[in-house]
Protein backbone atom coordinates (compact mmCIF):
# COMPACT_ATOMS: atom_id res chain seq x y z
CA UNK A 1 -102.37 -48.29 -8.07
CA UNK A 2 -104.74 -49.68 -5.42
CA UNK A 3 -103.66 -51.59 -2.34
CA UNK A 4 -105.23 -54.69 -3.86
CA UNK A 5 -103.01 -54.43 -6.92
CA UNK A 6 -99.92 -53.65 -4.87
CA UNK A 7 -100.17 -56.35 -2.26
CA UNK A 8 -102.32 -59.14 -3.63
CA UNK A 9 -102.06 -59.47 -7.38
CA UNK A 10 -98.45 -60.60 -7.44
CA UNK A 11 -98.86 -63.04 -4.58
CA UNK A 12 -101.99 -64.55 -6.16
CA UNK A 13 -100.05 -65.40 -9.31
CA UNK A 14 -97.24 -66.86 -7.21
CA UNK A 15 -99.57 -68.96 -5.11
CA UNK A 16 -101.22 -70.32 -8.22
CA UNK A 17 -97.87 -71.34 -9.67
CA UNK A 18 -96.27 -73.00 -6.64
CA UNK A 19 -97.93 -75.14 -3.95
CA UNK A 20 -95.35 -77.11 -2.01
CA UNK A 21 -96.48 -77.81 1.47
CA UNK A 22 -99.75 -79.74 1.42
CA UNK A 23 -97.81 -82.96 2.01
CA UNK A 24 -95.64 -81.38 4.72
CA UNK A 25 -98.14 -79.57 6.90
CA UNK A 26 -101.64 -80.29 8.11
CA UNK A 27 -104.50 -77.96 7.29
CA UNK A 28 -106.41 -77.80 10.57
CA UNK A 29 -106.65 -74.36 12.13
CA UNK A 30 -106.88 -73.85 15.87
CA UNK A 31 -108.01 -70.34 16.78
CA UNK A 32 -108.68 -68.23 19.81
CA UNK A 33 -111.68 -66.03 19.05
CA UNK A 34 -114.00 -63.95 21.15
CA UNK A 35 -117.13 -62.33 19.75
CA UNK A 36 -119.00 -59.58 21.54
CA UNK A 37 -122.61 -58.84 20.66
CA UNK A 38 -124.09 -55.42 21.16
CA UNK A 39 -127.25 -55.03 23.25
CA UNK A 40 -129.33 -55.05 20.07
CA UNK A 41 -129.21 -58.34 18.19
CA UNK A 42 -127.30 -58.15 14.87
CA UNK A 43 -129.60 -57.59 11.91
CA UNK A 44 -129.20 -58.55 8.24
CA UNK A 45 -129.88 -56.20 5.37
CA UNK A 46 -133.09 -57.12 3.56
CA UNK A 47 -131.34 -58.02 0.28
CA UNK A 48 -128.99 -60.65 1.79
CA UNK A 49 -129.20 -64.34 0.82
CA UNK A 50 -127.10 -66.96 2.62
CA UNK A 51 -126.68 -69.75 0.06
CA UNK A 52 -128.01 -73.16 1.05
CA UNK A 53 -126.04 -76.41 0.69
CA UNK A 54 -128.12 -77.34 -2.36
CA UNK A 55 -127.31 -74.03 -4.04
CA UNK A 56 -123.61 -74.29 -3.21
CA UNK A 57 -123.51 -77.77 -4.75
CA UNK A 58 -124.40 -76.21 -8.13
CA UNK A 59 -121.36 -73.84 -8.07
CA UNK A 60 -118.39 -75.21 -10.00
CA UNK A 61 -115.96 -72.32 -9.41
CA UNK A 62 -115.55 -68.66 -8.51
CA UNK A 63 -113.18 -66.63 -10.71
CA UNK A 64 -110.55 -64.86 -8.60
CA UNK A 65 -110.25 -61.62 -10.56
CA UNK A 66 -113.74 -61.12 -12.01
CA UNK A 67 -115.81 -62.55 -9.16
CA UNK A 68 -117.96 -64.40 -11.68
CA UNK A 69 -119.67 -67.50 -10.27
CA UNK A 70 -119.75 -70.46 -12.67
CA UNK A 71 -122.58 -72.97 -12.34
CA UNK A 72 -122.32 -76.69 -13.08
CA UNK A 73 -125.95 -77.71 -12.67
CA UNK A 74 -129.28 -76.62 -14.07
CA UNK A 75 -131.31 -76.79 -10.86
CA UNK A 76 -129.90 -73.58 -9.43
CA UNK A 77 -132.65 -70.98 -9.29
CA UNK A 78 -130.52 -68.32 -10.94
CA UNK A 79 -133.46 -66.05 -11.70
CA UNK A 80 -134.15 -65.72 -7.96
CA UNK A 81 -130.81 -63.92 -7.49
CA UNK A 82 -131.69 -60.57 -8.98
CA UNK A 83 -129.11 -57.79 -9.46
CA UNK A 84 -128.52 -56.08 -6.12
CA UNK A 85 -128.90 -59.30 -4.12
CA UNK A 86 -125.98 -59.90 -1.71
CA UNK A 87 -124.97 -63.57 -1.54
CA UNK A 88 -122.95 -65.10 1.29
CA UNK A 89 -121.48 -68.56 1.82
CA UNK A 90 -119.05 -70.40 4.03
CA UNK A 91 -116.06 -72.55 2.99
CA UNK A 92 -116.77 -75.28 0.42
CA UNK A 93 -114.72 -76.94 -2.31
CA UNK A 94 -116.07 -74.47 -4.87
CA UNK A 95 -115.93 -71.44 -2.53
CA UNK A 96 -112.66 -72.02 -0.61
CA UNK A 97 -112.55 -68.44 0.72
CA UNK A 98 -116.28 -68.07 1.20
CA UNK A 99 -118.47 -65.54 -0.60
CA UNK A 100 -119.49 -61.97 0.19
CA UNK A 101 -120.65 -60.66 -3.21
CA UNK A 102 -123.33 -58.47 -4.78
CA UNK A 103 -125.06 -59.86 -7.87
CA UNK A 104 -124.78 -57.55 -10.88
CA UNK A 105 -126.31 -59.80 -13.56
CA UNK A 106 -126.46 -63.17 -15.31
CA UNK A 107 -124.54 -64.42 -18.33
CA UNK A 108 -125.70 -67.32 -20.53
CA UNK A 109 -127.75 -68.69 -17.65
CA UNK A 110 -124.60 -70.47 -16.35
CA UNK A 111 -122.69 -67.53 -14.91
CA UNK A 112 -123.61 -65.06 -12.17
CA UNK A 113 -121.66 -61.80 -12.44
CA UNK A 114 -120.81 -60.20 -9.09
CA UNK A 115 -118.80 -57.48 -7.38
CA UNK A 116 -117.42 -57.26 -3.85
CA UNK A 117 -119.50 -55.67 -1.10
CA UNK A 118 -118.56 -54.24 2.29
CA UNK A 119 -119.55 -55.99 5.50
CA UNK A 120 -121.33 -52.94 6.91
CA UNK A 121 -123.73 -53.07 3.96
CA UNK A 122 -124.76 -56.56 5.08
CA UNK A 123 -125.11 -56.49 8.86
CA UNK A 124 -126.03 -53.89 11.49
CA UNK A 125 -125.52 -53.66 15.29
CA UNK A 126 -122.52 -55.97 15.55
CA UNK A 127 -119.15 -55.82 17.33
CA UNK A 128 -116.34 -58.32 17.03
CA UNK A 129 -112.94 -59.04 18.60
CA UNK A 130 -110.51 -61.79 17.62
CA UNK A 131 -106.91 -62.82 18.31
CA UNK A 132 -105.26 -65.36 16.00
CA UNK A 133 -101.86 -67.01 16.29
CA UNK A 134 -100.53 -68.53 13.07
CA UNK A 135 -98.72 -71.89 13.14
CA UNK A 136 -97.27 -74.25 10.50
CA UNK A 137 -100.21 -76.61 11.07
CA UNK A 138 -102.45 -74.04 9.36
CA UNK A 139 -100.43 -73.84 6.12
CA UNK A 140 -101.89 -74.74 2.73
CA UNK A 141 -98.86 -73.88 0.58
CA UNK A 142 -95.24 -72.76 1.01
CA UNK A 143 -92.47 -71.54 -1.27
CA UNK A 144 -88.84 -71.64 -0.08
CA UNK A 145 -85.88 -70.24 -2.00
CA UNK A 146 -83.07 -72.60 -2.95
CA UNK A 147 -80.87 -73.29 0.07
CA UNK A 148 -83.62 -72.60 2.66
CA UNK A 149 -85.03 -75.55 4.58
CA UNK A 150 -87.35 -76.02 7.58
CA UNK A 151 -85.63 -76.63 10.90
CA UNK A 152 -87.06 -78.64 13.78
CA UNK A 153 -89.04 -76.19 15.86
CA UNK A 154 -88.38 -75.39 19.49
CA UNK A 155 -90.51 -73.82 22.19
CA UNK A 156 -89.68 -70.18 21.51
CA UNK A 157 -90.71 -69.99 17.84
CA UNK A 158 -93.29 -71.66 15.59
CA UNK A 159 -91.49 -71.02 12.28
CA UNK A 160 -87.79 -71.95 11.99
CA UNK A 161 -85.65 -72.06 8.84
CA UNK A 162 -81.99 -72.67 7.99
CA UNK A 163 -80.13 -70.75 5.27
CA UNK A 164 -77.29 -72.58 3.53
CA UNK A 165 -75.45 -70.83 0.71
CA UNK A 166 -78.52 -68.88 -0.37
CA UNK A 167 -77.67 -66.73 -3.41
CA UNK A 168 -78.89 -63.18 -2.82
CA UNK A 169 -77.27 -61.54 -5.83
CA UNK A 170 -75.59 -62.91 -8.93
CA UNK A 171 -74.35 -60.21 -11.34
CA UNK A 172 -74.18 -62.56 -14.33
CA UNK A 173 -76.87 -65.13 -13.37
CA UNK A 174 -74.31 -67.94 -13.60
CA UNK A 175 -74.30 -70.33 -10.67
CA UNK A 176 -71.18 -71.27 -8.74
CA UNK A 177 -68.68 -69.04 -10.51
CA UNK A 178 -67.57 -67.34 -7.29
CA UNK A 179 -68.98 -63.84 -7.70
CA UNK A 180 -72.34 -64.22 -5.92
CA UNK A 181 -73.44 -62.59 -2.67
CA UNK A 182 -74.19 -65.53 -0.36
CA UNK A 183 -76.18 -65.74 2.89
CA UNK A 184 -75.97 -68.38 5.63
CA UNK A 185 -77.78 -68.45 8.95
CA UNK A 186 -81.18 -68.95 10.52
CA UNK A 187 -84.56 -67.18 10.65
CA UNK A 188 -87.18 -67.90 13.34
CA UNK A 189 -90.44 -66.07 14.06
CA UNK A 190 -93.93 -66.09 15.56
CA UNK A 191 -96.83 -64.15 14.06
CA UNK A 192 -100.15 -63.12 15.58
CA UNK A 193 -102.86 -60.68 14.59
CA UNK A 194 -105.76 -58.95 16.36
CA UNK A 195 -108.87 -57.75 14.55
CA UNK A 196 -111.64 -55.67 16.15
CA UNK A 197 -114.53 -53.73 14.66
CA UNK A 198 -117.98 -52.37 15.46
CA UNK A 199 -120.84 -51.76 13.02
CA UNK A 200 -123.76 -49.51 13.95
CA UNK A 201 -126.41 -47.95 11.71
CA UNK A 202 -124.82 -49.88 8.81
CA UNK A 203 -121.54 -47.97 9.22
CA UNK A 204 -118.16 -48.89 10.65
CA UNK A 205 -117.76 -47.05 13.97
CA UNK A 206 -114.42 -48.46 15.10
CA UNK A 207 -111.81 -50.70 13.52
CA UNK A 208 -108.46 -52.02 14.81
CA UNK A 209 -105.81 -54.21 13.20
CA UNK A 210 -102.64 -55.23 15.07
CA UNK A 211 -99.79 -57.50 14.00
CA UNK A 212 -97.50 -58.89 16.71
CA UNK A 213 -94.16 -60.42 15.68
CA UNK A 214 -91.44 -62.10 17.70
CA UNK A 215 -88.40 -63.07 15.69
CA UNK A 216 -84.74 -63.92 15.73
CA UNK A 217 -82.60 -63.43 12.64
CA UNK A 218 -78.96 -64.47 12.21
CA UNK A 219 -77.38 -63.93 8.82
CA UNK A 220 -73.81 -64.13 7.57
CA UNK A 221 -73.37 -62.38 4.23
CA UNK A 222 -70.27 -62.63 2.05
CA UNK A 223 -69.37 -61.23 -1.35
CA UNK A 224 -66.06 -62.22 -2.98
CA UNK A 225 -66.09 -59.38 -5.49
CA UNK A 226 -66.80 -55.66 -5.72
CA UNK A 227 -70.15 -54.19 -6.77
CA UNK A 228 -71.56 -50.72 -7.36
CA UNK A 229 -74.97 -49.19 -6.64
CA UNK A 230 -76.54 -52.51 -5.70
CA UNK A 231 -80.26 -52.46 -4.94
CA UNK A 232 -81.70 -55.95 -4.98
CA UNK A 233 -84.93 -57.36 -3.52
CA UNK A 234 -85.09 -61.10 -3.01
CA UNK A 235 -88.18 -63.17 -2.16
CA UNK A 236 -86.95 -65.77 0.31
CA UNK A 237 -90.10 -67.50 1.51
CA UNK A 238 -93.86 -67.18 1.43
CA UNK A 239 -96.51 -69.00 3.39
CA UNK A 240 -100.21 -69.14 2.48
CA UNK A 241 -102.55 -70.41 5.17
CA UNK A 242 -105.76 -72.32 4.75
CA UNK A 243 -108.93 -70.19 4.78
CA UNK A 244 -110.78 -70.58 8.04
CA UNK A 245 -113.97 -69.51 9.76
CA UNK A 246 -113.09 -66.49 11.88
CA UNK A 247 -116.52 -66.29 13.47
CA UNK A 248 -120.22 -66.62 12.71
CA UNK A 249 -122.41 -63.52 13.08
CA UNK A 250 -125.52 -64.63 15.00
CA UNK A 251 -128.10 -63.27 12.56
CA UNK A 252 -131.00 -65.22 11.03
CA UNK A 253 -129.64 -67.00 9.08
CA UNK A 254 -126.09 -66.72 10.54
CA UNK A 255 -123.28 -65.14 8.49
CA UNK A 256 -119.82 -66.79 8.37
CA UNK A 257 -116.73 -64.51 8.26
CA UNK A 258 -113.88 -66.18 6.34
CA UNK A 259 -110.24 -65.09 6.50
CA UNK A 260 -107.07 -66.22 4.68
CA UNK A 261 -103.63 -65.11 6.03
CA UNK A 262 -100.48 -64.86 3.92
CA UNK A 263 -96.89 -64.17 5.06
CA UNK A 264 -93.97 -63.19 2.84
CA UNK A 265 -90.30 -62.97 3.88
CA UNK A 266 -88.03 -60.87 1.68
CA UNK A 267 -84.44 -59.71 1.90
CA UNK A 268 -83.24 -56.45 0.36
CA UNK A 269 -79.62 -55.55 -0.30
CA UNK A 270 -78.48 -51.98 -0.83
CA UNK A 271 -75.00 -50.56 -1.14
CA UNK A 272 -71.64 -50.61 -2.87
CA UNK A 273 -68.24 -52.15 -2.28
CA UNK A 274 -64.81 -51.71 -3.81
CA UNK A 275 -63.55 -55.05 -2.51
CA UNK A 276 -64.71 -58.35 -1.08
CA UNK A 277 -66.71 -58.26 2.15
CA UNK A 278 -67.87 -60.49 4.96
CA UNK A 279 -70.33 -59.42 7.67
CA UNK A 280 -72.81 -60.97 10.10
CA UNK A 281 -75.94 -59.68 11.79
CA UNK A 282 -77.99 -61.09 14.65
CA UNK A 283 -81.16 -59.33 15.75
CA UNK A 284 -83.97 -60.25 18.15
CA UNK A 285 -87.14 -58.19 18.05
CA UNK A 286 -90.64 -58.09 19.47
CA UNK A 287 -93.05 -55.74 17.73
CA UNK A 288 -96.74 -54.88 17.88
CA UNK A 289 -97.94 -52.44 15.25
CA UNK A 290 -101.08 -51.63 13.32
CA UNK A 291 -103.88 -49.14 12.76
CA UNK A 292 -106.95 -48.03 14.69
CA UNK A 293 -109.95 -46.12 13.34
CA UNK A 294 -112.53 -44.24 15.41
CA UNK A 295 -114.42 -40.95 15.26
CA UNK A 296 -113.47 -40.43 11.64
CA UNK A 297 -109.69 -40.64 11.95
CA UNK A 298 -106.84 -43.17 11.88
CA UNK A 299 -104.25 -43.61 14.62
CA UNK A 300 -101.07 -45.71 14.52
CA UNK A 301 -100.35 -48.54 16.95
CA UNK A 302 -96.68 -49.13 17.67
CA UNK A 303 -94.67 -50.87 20.34
CA UNK A 304 -91.30 -52.52 19.80
CA UNK A 305 -88.06 -53.62 21.38
CA UNK A 306 -85.00 -55.19 19.83
CA UNK A 307 -81.55 -56.51 20.66
CA UNK A 308 -78.81 -56.33 18.04
CA UNK A 309 -75.55 -58.26 17.88
CA UNK A 310 -72.91 -58.15 15.15
CA UNK A 311 -69.37 -59.30 14.53
CA UNK A 312 -66.73 -56.87 13.39
CA UNK A 313 -66.80 -57.34 9.62
CA UNK A 314 -63.95 -57.95 7.24
CA UNK A 315 -63.94 -54.73 5.20
CA UNK A 316 -60.49 -54.14 3.67
CA UNK A 317 -61.66 -51.15 1.63
CA UNK A 318 -64.54 -48.71 1.24
CA UNK A 319 -67.93 -50.34 1.72
CA UNK A 320 -71.52 -49.32 2.40
CA UNK A 321 -73.88 -52.29 2.73
CA UNK A 322 -77.40 -52.57 4.09
CA UNK A 323 -78.92 -56.01 4.79
CA UNK A 324 -82.71 -55.70 5.19
CA UNK A 325 -84.79 -58.77 6.08
CA UNK A 326 -88.47 -57.81 5.96
CA UNK A 327 -91.65 -59.69 6.75
CA UNK A 328 -95.16 -58.92 5.51
CA UNK A 329 -98.45 -60.29 6.83
CA UNK A 330 -101.48 -59.93 4.54
CA UNK A 331 -105.06 -60.83 5.47
CA UNK A 332 -107.78 -61.62 2.94
CA UNK A 333 -111.36 -61.42 4.14
CA UNK A 334 -113.50 -63.63 1.91
CA UNK A 335 -112.03 -63.18 -1.58
CA UNK A 336 -108.80 -61.34 -2.38
CA UNK A 337 -110.47 -58.10 -3.43
CA UNK A 338 -109.76 -56.40 -0.12
CA UNK A 339 -107.22 -56.84 2.61
CA UNK A 340 -105.05 -55.68 5.46
CA UNK A 341 -101.29 -55.78 5.71
CA UNK A 342 -98.50 -55.18 8.21
CA UNK A 343 -94.83 -55.11 7.24
CA UNK A 344 -91.67 -54.84 9.33
CA UNK A 345 -88.10 -54.25 8.14
CA UNK A 346 -85.18 -55.19 10.40
CA UNK A 347 -81.84 -54.20 9.01
CA UNK A 348 -78.13 -54.06 9.65
CA UNK A 349 -75.99 -51.40 8.00
CA UNK A 350 -72.23 -51.82 7.64
CA UNK A 351 -69.94 -48.95 6.63
CA UNK A 352 -66.23 -48.60 6.02
CA UNK A 353 -64.41 -45.46 4.84
CA UNK A 354 -60.80 -44.37 4.44
CA UNK A 355 -59.04 -41.05 4.16
CA UNK A 356 -55.33 -40.23 4.04
CA UNK A 357 -54.49 -41.53 7.50
CA UNK A 358 -57.65 -42.93 9.16
CA UNK A 359 -59.91 -45.93 8.58
CA UNK A 360 -63.41 -45.84 10.13
CA UNK A 361 -66.15 -48.40 10.14
CA UNK A 362 -69.44 -48.94 11.93
CA UNK A 363 -72.37 -51.30 12.38
CA UNK A 364 -75.90 -49.94 12.80
CA UNK A 365 -79.22 -51.64 13.42
CA UNK A 366 -82.68 -50.41 12.58
CA UNK A 367 -86.39 -51.16 12.45
CA UNK A 368 -89.15 -49.86 10.15
CA UNK A 369 -92.81 -50.74 10.59
CA UNK A 370 -95.61 -50.17 8.05
CA UNK A 371 -99.32 -51.01 7.95
CA UNK A 372 -102.20 -50.40 5.58
CA UNK A 373 -105.76 -51.36 4.79
CA UNK A 374 -108.06 -51.46 1.79
CA UNK A 375 -111.38 -50.56 3.38
CA UNK A 376 -113.51 -52.01 0.57
CA UNK A 377 -114.44 -55.06 2.60
CA UNK A 378 -115.62 -52.92 5.53
CA UNK A 379 -116.80 -49.60 4.21
CA UNK A 380 -116.75 -47.64 0.98
CA UNK A 381 -117.14 -44.48 3.06
CA UNK A 382 -113.86 -44.75 4.98
CA UNK A 383 -110.86 -44.17 2.66
CA UNK A 384 -107.99 -46.63 2.33
CA UNK A 385 -105.07 -45.87 4.60
CA UNK A 386 -101.40 -46.82 4.92
CA UNK A 387 -98.57 -45.36 6.96
CA UNK A 388 -95.01 -45.84 8.19
CA UNK A 389 -95.58 -46.36 11.90
CA UNK A 390 -92.02 -46.23 13.21
CA UNK A 391 -88.51 -45.88 11.84
CA UNK A 392 -85.33 -45.74 13.85
CA UNK A 393 -81.64 -46.57 13.65
CA UNK A 394 -79.04 -46.93 16.38
CA UNK A 395 -75.29 -47.59 16.36
CA UNK A 396 -74.05 -50.92 17.65
CA UNK A 397 -70.35 -50.77 16.94
CA UNK A 398 -68.01 -48.02 15.74
CA UNK A 399 -64.26 -48.11 15.40
CA UNK A 400 -61.38 -46.10 14.00
CA UNK A 401 -57.81 -47.12 13.16
CA UNK A 402 -54.70 -45.39 11.91
CA UNK A 403 -53.63 -46.28 8.38
CA UNK A 404 -49.97 -47.20 8.72
CA UNK A 405 -47.37 -45.37 6.67
CA UNK A 406 -44.87 -48.22 7.27
CA UNK A 407 -45.19 -52.00 6.88
CA UNK A 408 -46.57 -52.06 10.44
CA UNK A 409 -50.36 -52.55 10.52
CA UNK A 410 -52.79 -51.30 13.12
CA UNK A 411 -53.96 -53.69 15.84
CA UNK A 412 -57.45 -55.19 15.91
CA UNK A 413 -59.49 -53.99 18.94
CA UNK A 414 -62.27 -56.11 20.40
CA UNK A 415 -63.64 -57.10 23.83
CA UNK A 416 -66.31 -59.09 25.66
CA UNK A 417 -68.28 -58.16 28.78
CA UNK A 418 -69.38 -60.46 31.59
CA UNK A 419 -72.03 -60.13 32.85
CA UNK A 420 -73.81 -57.77 30.47
CA UNK A 421 -76.34 -56.70 33.12
CA UNK A 422 -76.26 -56.32 36.88
CA UNK A 423 -77.14 -54.15 39.83
CA UNK A 424 -75.63 -50.87 40.93
CA UNK A 425 -72.04 -51.36 42.26
CA UNK A 426 -71.86 -54.88 40.78
CA UNK A 427 -68.53 -55.85 39.22
CA UNK A 428 -68.43 -56.01 35.42
CA UNK A 429 -65.43 -57.69 33.77
CA UNK A 430 -64.11 -56.50 30.41
CA UNK A 431 -61.88 -58.88 28.46
CA UNK A 432 -59.85 -57.65 25.48
CA UNK A 433 -58.19 -61.04 24.85
CA UNK A 434 -59.80 -61.24 21.39
CA UNK A 435 -57.76 -58.21 20.28
CA UNK A 436 -54.71 -58.96 18.13
CA UNK A 437 -52.02 -57.53 15.91
CA UNK A 438 -50.45 -58.94 12.75
CA UNK A 439 -46.88 -58.02 13.76
CA UNK A 440 -46.82 -58.00 17.58
CA UNK A 441 -47.27 -60.82 20.02
CA UNK A 442 -50.36 -60.41 22.16
CA UNK A 443 -48.27 -59.69 25.28
CA UNK A 444 -46.77 -56.65 23.50
CA UNK A 445 -50.13 -54.91 23.18
CA UNK A 446 -51.38 -52.20 25.55
CA UNK A 447 -55.02 -51.50 26.52
CA UNK A 448 -56.93 -48.60 28.00
CA UNK A 449 -60.66 -48.18 28.76
CA UNK A 450 -63.37 -45.51 28.79
CA UNK A 451 -66.32 -46.69 30.93
CA UNK A 452 -68.65 -43.86 29.85
CA UNK A 453 -70.06 -43.24 33.34
CA UNK A 454 -70.81 -39.99 35.12
CA UNK A 455 -70.46 -37.15 32.59
CA UNK A 456 -67.95 -38.78 30.24
CA UNK A 457 -68.96 -40.32 26.92
CA UNK A 458 -67.48 -43.04 24.77
CA UNK A 459 -66.64 -40.62 21.97
CA UNK A 460 -64.95 -37.81 23.92
CA UNK A 461 -61.51 -39.42 23.55
CA UNK A 462 -60.98 -39.12 27.32
CA UNK A 463 -60.07 -42.49 28.82
CA UNK A 464 -60.69 -43.56 32.41
CA UNK A 465 -57.57 -45.76 32.63
CA UNK A 466 -53.96 -45.53 31.57
CA UNK A 467 -52.45 -48.01 29.12
CA UNK A 468 -51.92 -51.43 30.66
CA UNK A 469 -50.60 -54.77 29.39
CA UNK A 470 -53.40 -56.54 31.28
CA UNK A 471 -56.26 -57.24 28.81
CA UNK A 472 -58.80 -57.80 31.60
CA UNK A 473 -60.30 -54.95 33.59
CA UNK A 474 -63.03 -54.67 36.22
CA UNK A 475 -65.40 -51.76 36.75
CA UNK A 476 -68.62 -51.01 38.64
CA UNK A 477 -71.27 -48.34 38.00
CA UNK A 478 -72.96 -46.21 40.64
CA UNK A 479 -76.09 -45.32 38.64
CA UNK A 480 -78.81 -47.22 36.85
CA UNK A 481 -78.67 -47.03 33.06
CA UNK A 482 -77.22 -48.42 29.84
CA UNK A 483 -73.55 -47.68 29.14
CA UNK A 484 -71.34 -47.50 26.07
CA UNK A 485 -67.77 -48.78 26.52
CA UNK A 486 -64.70 -47.85 24.51
CA UNK A 487 -61.42 -49.79 24.28
CA UNK A 488 -58.22 -48.54 22.66
CA UNK A 489 -55.38 -50.91 21.75
CA UNK A 490 -51.81 -49.77 20.97
CA UNK A 491 -49.06 -51.89 19.42
CA UNK A 492 -45.30 -51.65 19.93
CA UNK A 493 -44.99 -49.35 16.92
CA UNK A 494 -47.35 -46.81 18.47
CA UNK A 495 -50.27 -47.48 16.12
CA UNK A 496 -53.70 -47.53 17.75
CA UNK A 497 -57.23 -48.60 17.02
CA UNK A 498 -60.37 -48.40 19.12
CA UNK A 499 -63.79 -49.95 19.31
CA UNK A 500 -67.01 -48.63 20.88
CA UNK A 501 -69.83 -50.99 21.85
CA UNK A 502 -73.11 -49.21 22.49
CA UNK A 503 -75.44 -50.11 25.35
CA UNK A 504 -73.21 -53.09 26.13
CA UNK A 505 -73.73 -52.79 29.92
CA UNK A 506 -77.12 -52.56 31.62
CA UNK A 507 -77.22 -51.47 35.28
CA UNK A 508 -80.56 -52.13 37.00
């Protein structure tokens, strides 16, 4: 299946069925574009015709899937557009995404049959560079899942949405019967893309696509029942932006380049659970990723950073759950027969396992970045390309507890750090006051710490302090770096549990 079928056909049907936001958002598009001409002035191919206003007035519609151009008037000089002629237009009511098409024939004197054509078959000696930031003011249509609503924006992010009791999975498709997986929280993001290319001797010499995302995701997920082998993909939101003029190639006559962005936000759930669960994930990320083509080969572009936070989940039994928000940006150039996409997955994975005498659980965060391009709009010589650009996972929180053989239950271990970053030899304060035990009073609990400095590690089971009844400890580090910290809590019955927080201290 082609990239066009994979990434555009479904969204085209969806966009045609639902158009919500014309009354909520304006349609003006503010852009930041730079265009660089080569020393030789751009030249048009001899068979190119830029349609005049009079000709465009005779077009009633352009069919999305066939590319056929339907005529409403009889004054259009259809016979002048012979097969092989390349026709180009800007944005009009009848050509909302512009035209870049090759005429293949005529049908009943009222229809022009066409196919798509690549830009390097149209223009020569041209280079282009553009940076575009997408904002809600540019939207033409929006679809939001039930329970998702826009939130008043603030300076950091352009797109902000609240989640309130959003149903992610319903095993029997019956609302409000208490067995659904529910999400609450917020999603905020910015999206920007860069597009650069150079055409020489009617061939693409270089091409670059980059997608830059800044986002902040906070989700609380709860499931009141057990489930097995769950793998569910859920379309949360999509945003289609108004087509806009990216640039005008300064040929004679000039050629408009039209682009239409589309963003889709999905959430995937994977896993199994033998009991009810409750977990939360908060992740901030900044990512730039894409593809670059030159000298006959593709190279990935990837740069990312992220910060993960999570609360210790309520997992009374064996659980493996992966929460995967993912965002996809798709670009149409002219019509939807070719495009570019970038997709990023940000996920939290929660695990809980038991054996005869131990209970272990962990929280892990990860990022996956993908990008691809259908080169039909640029060159039929360069093959389509897609790739996974980066994929990584890191632990955020791991803990282990004894399973009691008596009515006594293990304590709950947790701590906070203040500050979380500082200079060498600065004092860091570690507060275990959020730890607790179901049977003991808090004052009956004992605490010991592993600072994970020098050559020790947070998983070597060698602690830097003895047990103490004081839940607050102070420590300083003599070297720059990021440090894992481990706390163990013991109750009056001798049962223990520990927690490790990874990279929780940063020493500059």
